[in-house]
């Protein structure tokens, strides 16, 4: 590998430094939780582990995003869509992992609370408070290194001062989305340390209780991110984008008679994909309106558009009423027959002229 390609493969230095700080913070919390026997600090340790895993997946996603597909390497071409979603899979896995950790930590807190009289109590409150303060400092440095940009998979509509509707993506939002979770985790640890400093006897029950509350609250805070990542993997229509409104807007374009098999889904946090079958009145209408249809999809924030034109209605012979009925049918079903033998209704069937009953 040439030096230039090696430098392009590396992630930005700020991401590497944030990754090293996250790894150091997790290692320090893990040692301190074992040294102080504090269950609340153990919850913060699991939380920092999940954030570390999430940052690793972000760095991996950056690495494969910079991969040059034009080199013709079969591995990269085979995983074009797969590696594009590694960040979404990593984020969902991180939240599911922390949810499983939280369940085990709540059970552990209940056991410590029941057996507090003969269990080993937490100790060294100054170490616990110091870990909380250092954790807040590391989070602040992490936010500054990453320019305060947290990855979000939601898409929201906003109104500008001129009255225009703008679709915002999570990639460009300088919002500290995970800051409340990180701050809450450190505050719980600080509360446990101060309780141990001021009321050592009460800390036998307070520390397990705080750890259980911290685990539950952190899961609640992380649920919106887990849900949004899950919806991306399920290929649902992104929030703020109505497929029905998009279809109606496409039907209002000149030359477009019908549109069906419309599917809109999110590849990852920056790319939306749309596929559709569009029926045109003639080949001339297709040449004049195909670019307008693509522009309409892109104005709605869709970057990858695949449209299949259909001309079954171009040479339709019949009354206007029969043509309107055919257009209604074309808006519901595919009119292009399959290239090879298959079984209906799982595939497209040849177009049939509908019968119009006159009264």
Foldseek 3Di string as FASTA:
>chain_A
DDPVVVVLLFDDPLLVVLLVLLVVLLVLLVVLCVVFVFLLSVLLSLVSVLVSQLSVLVRQLSNLVSDDVVVVDPVNVVCVLVSNCSNLVSLLVSLVSLLVVLVVSLVVLVVLQVPLVPDDFGDDLVSLLVSLVVLVVSVVSSCVSVVQQDAAQAWAWDADPVGDIAIDFSRPDSHNLCVVLSNLSSVLSNVLSVCCVPPVVCSSNSRSVSNNVNSVVSSVSSVVRSVSSVQQVVFDAHPHDDPVVLQVVLCPFPFWLAKAPWGWGASGRQAIEIEIETEGQDVVSCVVCVVVSVVSCVRSVHDHYHYHYDHPNNPDDDDPVQSNVQSVVVNYAPQDFDPDDDDPPVGHDHDDRDDDDDD
